[in-house]
């Protein structure tokens, strides 16, 4: 897929490692890879929330004609949807089986303008800085050893003026009760062990990672779920699941 010419990054961003991965996390998602596109599987929540997060992204920035990178794309649920909205999408992940599922789905569904590659965000950032108009990283930061490194890579990969979108889970007692105990052990929305409490990320921490990478915070939204109606919606409550929109300024901070 053709990319924009590489642009130099500000000197305050140091070189990034390329081994920011937890083998146990890769194995966890690889074992479920064949079920990514089964809407009644463990991935049903991702299918259910995908229209919400896609609409939120398009409210912040236009997708048609944009070069978009989806970091931690898994089986391609979001990447595929963004391509169908007119973007030129590259999805990256380190789970080989998940990427194969994503590629197969794109072929079967005849999804235009989407491709996939097995590479880390840090390695791609060193290879193609400033190559993308939009970078998304959804439900991924809480699964890596060093989330700040991924944020820095995303900031490097986006062009000046471009947008970076994250979604993750807050770290507090309510999030533990709802996102881990409730979702994994009571409602069985997710496989048990999907999330580790210590790896969850507070909004203030994610905002700090973004500032350290030269990104400016534009919007934060919470995501809610009603288990009786099985309805998801966005609002201002970021106490459990939340999404963050950041932007790389046209001019680096002095």
Protein backbone atom coordinates (compact mmCIF):
# COMPACT_ATOMS: atom_id res chain seq x y z
CA UNK A 1 0.00 0.00 0.00
CA UNK A 2 1.56 3.37 -0.93
CA UNK A 3 2.34 5.66 1.96
CA UNK A 4 3.20 9.31 2.29
CA UNK A 5 6.83 10.31 2.33
CA UNK A 6 8.35 9.96 5.80
CA UNK A 7 8.51 13.11 7.88
CA UNK A 8 11.06 13.86 10.57
CA UNK A 9 9.87 13.58 14.19
CA UNK A 10 10.72 16.15 16.86
CA UNK A 11 14.05 15.50 18.53
CA UNK A 12 12.44 15.03 21.98
CA UNK A 13 11.03 11.63 20.97
CA UNK A 14 13.77 8.99 21.56
CA UNK A 15 14.13 5.75 19.58
CA UNK A 16 11.53 3.17 20.57
CA UNK A 17 11.92 -0.54 21.30
CA UNK A 18 10.33 -3.08 18.99
CA UNK A 19 9.71 -5.91 21.49
CA UNK A 20 6.83 -4.43 23.50
CA UNK A 21 4.77 -7.61 23.58
CA UNK A 22 3.50 -10.09 26.17
CA UNK A 23 3.72 -13.65 24.73
CA UNK A 24 0.87 -14.78 26.99
CA UNK A 25 -1.39 -12.09 25.55
CA UNK A 26 -0.51 -13.09 21.98
CA UNK A 27 -1.24 -16.73 22.76
CA UNK A 28 -4.56 -15.79 24.37
CA UNK A 29 -5.89 -14.05 21.26
CA UNK A 30 -4.27 -16.48 18.82
CA UNK A 31 -6.19 -19.35 20.41
CA UNK A 32 -9.45 -17.52 19.67
CA UNK A 33 -8.47 -16.23 16.23
CA UNK A 34 -10.88 -18.43 14.28
CA UNK A 35 -13.80 -16.86 16.17
CA UNK A 36 -13.09 -13.17 15.41
CA UNK A 37 -15.94 -12.84 12.89
CA UNK A 38 -18.44 -15.00 14.78
CA UNK A 39 -20.84 -12.41 16.18
CA UNK A 40 -22.01 -14.86 18.86
CA UNK A 41 -18.50 -15.66 20.06
CA UNK A 42 -16.22 -14.11 22.67
CA UNK A 43 -15.78 -11.22 20.25
CA UNK A 44 -19.44 -10.24 20.23
CA UNK A 45 -18.74 -7.14 22.42
CA UNK A 46 -16.29 -5.85 19.81
CA UNK A 47 -18.88 -6.26 17.07
CA UNK A 48 -21.51 -4.57 19.23
CA UNK A 49 -19.36 -1.52 20.07
CA UNK A 50 -17.82 -1.16 16.61
CA UNK A 51 -20.56 1.12 15.18
CA UNK A 52 -20.21 3.37 18.24
CA UNK A 53 -16.48 3.80 18.02
CA UNK A 54 -16.56 4.12 14.22
CA UNK A 55 -19.18 6.88 14.36
CA UNK A 56 -17.21 8.66 17.10
CA UNK A 57 -14.05 8.60 14.99
CA UNK A 58 -15.90 9.97 11.96
CA UNK A 59 -17.39 12.76 14.08
CA UNK A 60 -13.85 13.89 14.91
CA UNK A 61 -12.35 13.55 11.44
CA UNK A 62 -13.36 12.52 7.93
CA UNK A 63 -12.25 9.06 6.80
CA UNK A 64 -12.80 9.01 3.01
CA UNK A 65 -9.48 9.23 1.22
CA UNK A 66 -7.45 9.21 4.44
CA UNK A 67 -4.51 6.90 5.14
CA UNK A 68 -5.45 5.12 8.36
CA UNK A 69 -3.44 2.78 10.59
CA UNK A 70 -5.16 0.41 13.01
CA UNK A 71 -2.68 -0.68 15.69
CA UNK A 72 -3.49 -4.03 17.31
CA UNK A 73 -6.11 -4.73 14.65
CA UNK A 74 -6.74 -8.34 15.64
CA UNK A 75 -9.17 -9.93 13.21
CA UNK A 76 -9.85 -6.62 11.48
CA UNK A 77 -13.26 -5.63 12.83
CA UNK A 78 -12.50 -1.90 13.03
CA UNK A 79 -10.03 -1.83 10.13
CA UNK A 80 -12.57 -3.43 7.81
CA UNK A 81 -15.28 -0.96 8.87
CA UNK A 82 -13.02 2.07 8.34
CA UNK A 83 -12.09 0.84 4.87
CA UNK A 84 -15.78 0.54 4.04
CA UNK A 85 -16.16 4.18 5.09
CA UNK A 86 -13.70 5.15 2.35
CA UNK A 87 -10.33 5.11 4.14
CA UNK A 88 -7.15 3.43 2.91
CA UNK A 89 -6.42 1.20 5.90
CA UNK A 90 -3.42 -0.75 7.11
CA UNK A 91 -4.03 -3.02 10.10
CA UNK A 92 -1.05 -4.23 12.11
CA UNK A 93 -0.75 -6.86 14.83
CA UNK A 94 1.74 -9.40 16.15
CA UNK A 95 -0.77 -12.28 16.38
CA UNK A 96 -0.19 -14.20 13.15
CA UNK A 97 -3.40 -16.23 13.30
CA UNK A 98 -5.55 -13.15 13.88
CA UNK A 99 -3.98 -11.41 10.89
CA UNK A 100 -4.68 -14.41 8.68
CA UNK A 101 -8.31 -14.30 9.75
CA UNK A 102 -8.43 -10.57 8.94
CA UNK A 103 -6.91 -11.11 5.52
CA UNK A 104 -9.27 -13.99 4.75
CA UNK A 105 -12.30 -11.96 5.79
CA UNK A 106 -11.22 -9.04 3.58
CA UNK A 107 -10.95 -11.42 0.62
CA UNK A 108 -14.29 -13.10 1.31
CA UNK A 109 -16.12 -9.84 1.96
CA UNK A 110 -14.32 -8.10 -0.92
CA UNK A 111 -13.44 -5.20 1.34
CA UNK A 112 -11.62 -2.51 -0.68
CA UNK A 113 -8.58 -0.50 0.42
CA UNK A 114 -7.56 -2.63 3.43
CA UNK A 115 -4.33 -4.55 4.00
CA UNK A 116 -2.65 -6.19 6.97
CA UNK A 117 0.89 -6.59 8.17
CA UNK A 118 2.61 -8.41 11.04
CA UNK A 119 4.73 -5.70 12.66
CA UNK A 120 4.82 -3.81 15.93
CA UNK A 121 3.79 -0.16 16.18
CA UNK A 122 7.30 0.75 17.31
CA UNK A 123 8.96 -0.95 14.34
CA UNK A 124 6.57 0.63 11.85
CA UNK A 125 7.14 4.04 13.47
CA UNK A 126 10.86 3.72 12.84
CA UNK A 127 10.13 2.72 9.25
CA UNK A 128 7.33 5.14 8.28
CA UNK A 129 7.14 8.19 10.58
CA UNK A 130 4.39 10.66 9.75
CA UNK A 131 2.88 8.37 7.10
CA UNK A 132 -0.74 8.30 8.31
CA UNK A 133 -3.57 10.79 8.58
CA UNK A 134 -5.33 8.81 11.32
CA UNK A 135 -4.08 6.19 13.79
CA UNK A 136 -6.40 4.05 15.89
CA UNK A 137 -5.42 1.81 18.80
CA UNK A 138 -8.51 0.26 20.38
CA UNK A 139 -8.70 -2.20 23.29
CA UNK A 140 -4.98 -2.86 22.98
CA UNK A 141 -3.00 -0.68 25.42
CA UNK A 142 -4.08 -2.73 28.45
CA UNK A 143 -2.53 -5.85 26.91
CA UNK A 144 1.09 -4.67 26.42
CA UNK A 145 3.94 -4.36 28.94
CA UNK A 146 4.67 -0.70 28.08
CA UNK A 147 1.58 1.20 26.87
CA UNK A 148 3.47 4.52 26.84
CA UNK A 149 5.76 3.07 24.15
CA UNK A 150 2.75 2.30 21.95
CA UNK A 151 1.41 5.84 22.46
CA UNK A 152 4.79 7.28 21.42
CA UNK A 153 4.80 5.07 18.34
CA UNK A 154 1.29 6.19 17.38
CA UNK A 155 2.35 9.82 17.79
CA UNK A 156 5.33 9.20 15.52
CA UNK A 157 3.24 7.45 12.87
CA UNK A 158 0.64 10.20 12.48
CA UNK A 159 1.30 13.28 10.34
CA UNK A 160 1.21 16.80 11.83
CA UNK A 161 -2.44 17.74 12.21
CA UNK A 162 -3.48 14.07 12.16
CA UNK A 163 -5.65 12.28 14.71
CA UNK A 164 -4.87 9.42 17.10
CA UNK A 165 -7.66 7.47 18.81
CA UNK A 166 -7.34 5.17 21.81
CA UNK A 167 -9.79 3.12 23.83
CA UNK A 168 -9.05 1.22 27.02
CA UNK A 169 -10.30 0.57 30.57
CA UNK A 170 -9.95 2.72 33.67
CA UNK A 171 -8.21 1.36 36.78
CA UNK A 172 -10.39 1.71 39.87
CA UNK A 173 -12.76 -0.35 42.01
CA UNK A 174 -15.75 0.24 39.74
CA UNK A 175 -13.82 -0.81 36.64
CA UNK A 176 -12.67 -3.97 38.42
CA UNK A 177 -16.26 -4.78 39.40
CA UNK A 178 -17.79 -4.04 35.99
CA UNK A 179 -15.09 -4.80 33.39
CA UNK A 180 -13.50 -7.83 35.06
CA UNK A 181 -15.83 -9.42 37.62
CA UNK A 182 -19.05 -8.49 35.81
CA UNK A 183 -18.01 -8.87 32.17
CA UNK A 184 -15.78 -11.93 32.56
CA UNK A 185 -17.16 -13.89 35.53
CA UNK A 186 -20.86 -13.01 35.82
CA UNK A 187 -22.14 -12.00 32.37
CA UNK A 188 -19.54 -14.05 30.46
CA UNK A 189 -19.22 -11.29 27.88
CA UNK A 190 -15.49 -11.98 27.67
CA UNK A 191 -13.30 -15.01 28.42
CA UNK A 192 -12.05 -15.12 32.00
CA UNK A 193 -8.58 -13.65 32.27
CA UNK A 194 -9.01 -11.30 29.31
CA UNK A 195 -7.99 -8.34 31.46
CA UNK A 196 -5.49 -7.98 34.29
CA UNK A 197 -6.39 -5.25 36.78
CA UNK A 198 -2.82 -4.01 37.24
CA UNK A 199 -2.54 -3.37 33.48
CA UNK A 200 -5.59 -1.11 33.30
CA UNK A 201 -4.91 2.56 32.59
CA UNK A 202 -6.39 5.66 34.20
CA UNK A 203 -7.43 8.50 31.84
CA UNK A 204 -4.93 10.80 33.55
CA UNK A 205 -2.15 8.32 32.80
CA UNK A 206 -3.14 7.99 29.15
CA UNK A 207 -3.32 11.78 28.85
CA UNK A 208 0.18 11.99 30.34
CA UNK A 209 1.51 9.43 27.86
CA UNK A 210 0.00 11.47 25.05
CA UNK A 211 1.48 14.76 26.25
CA UNK A 212 4.87 13.10 26.62
CA UNK A 213 4.63 11.94 23.01
CA UNK A 214 3.73 15.42 21.74
CA UNK A 215 0.00 14.81 21.29
CA UNK A 216 -2.77 17.16 22.38
CA UNK A 217 -5.90 15.80 24.05
CA UNK A 218 -9.06 16.76 22.12
CA UNK A 219 -11.88 14.64 23.53
CA UNK A 220 -12.60 11.90 26.07
CA UNK A 221 -15.76 9.78 26.09
CA UNK A 222 -17.01 7.00 28.31
CA UNK A 223 -18.66 3.82 27.03
CA UNK A 224 -21.56 2.26 28.95
CA UNK A 225 -23.39 -1.06 28.71
CA UNK A 226 -26.84 -2.19 29.84
CA UNK A 227 -26.77 -6.01 30.30
CA UNK A 228 -30.58 -6.24 30.24
CA UNK A 229 -31.04 -4.51 26.88
CA UNK A 230 -27.53 -5.35 25.60
CA UNK A 231 -27.21 -1.76 24.49
CA UNK A 232 -23.96 0.24 24.40
CA UNK A 233 -23.72 4.03 24.33
CA UNK A 234 -21.20 6.85 24.76
CA UNK A 235 -21.42 9.56 27.40
CA UNK A 236 -19.21 11.60 29.72
CA UNK A 237 -18.63 8.89 32.34
CA UNK A 238 -15.09 7.54 31.92
CA UNK A 239 -15.06 5.49 35.12
CA UNK A 240 -14.92 2.11 33.30
CA UNK A 241 -14.47 1.91 29.51
CA UNK A 242 -13.38 5.10 27.78
CA UNK A 243 -12.15 6.49 24.46
CA UNK A 244 -9.67 9.30 23.87
CA UNK A 245 -9.08 11.45 20.80
CA UNK A 246 -5.69 13.16 20.47
CA UNK A 247 -4.11 15.22 17.74
CA UNK A 248 -0.53 15.84 16.68
CA UNK A 249 -0.11 19.62 16.44
CA UNK A 250 0.98 21.18 13.20
CA UNK A 251 3.86 22.83 15.02
CA UNK A 252 5.82 21.06 17.80
CA UNK A 253 5.64 22.63 21.24
CA UNK A 254 8.43 25.05 21.98
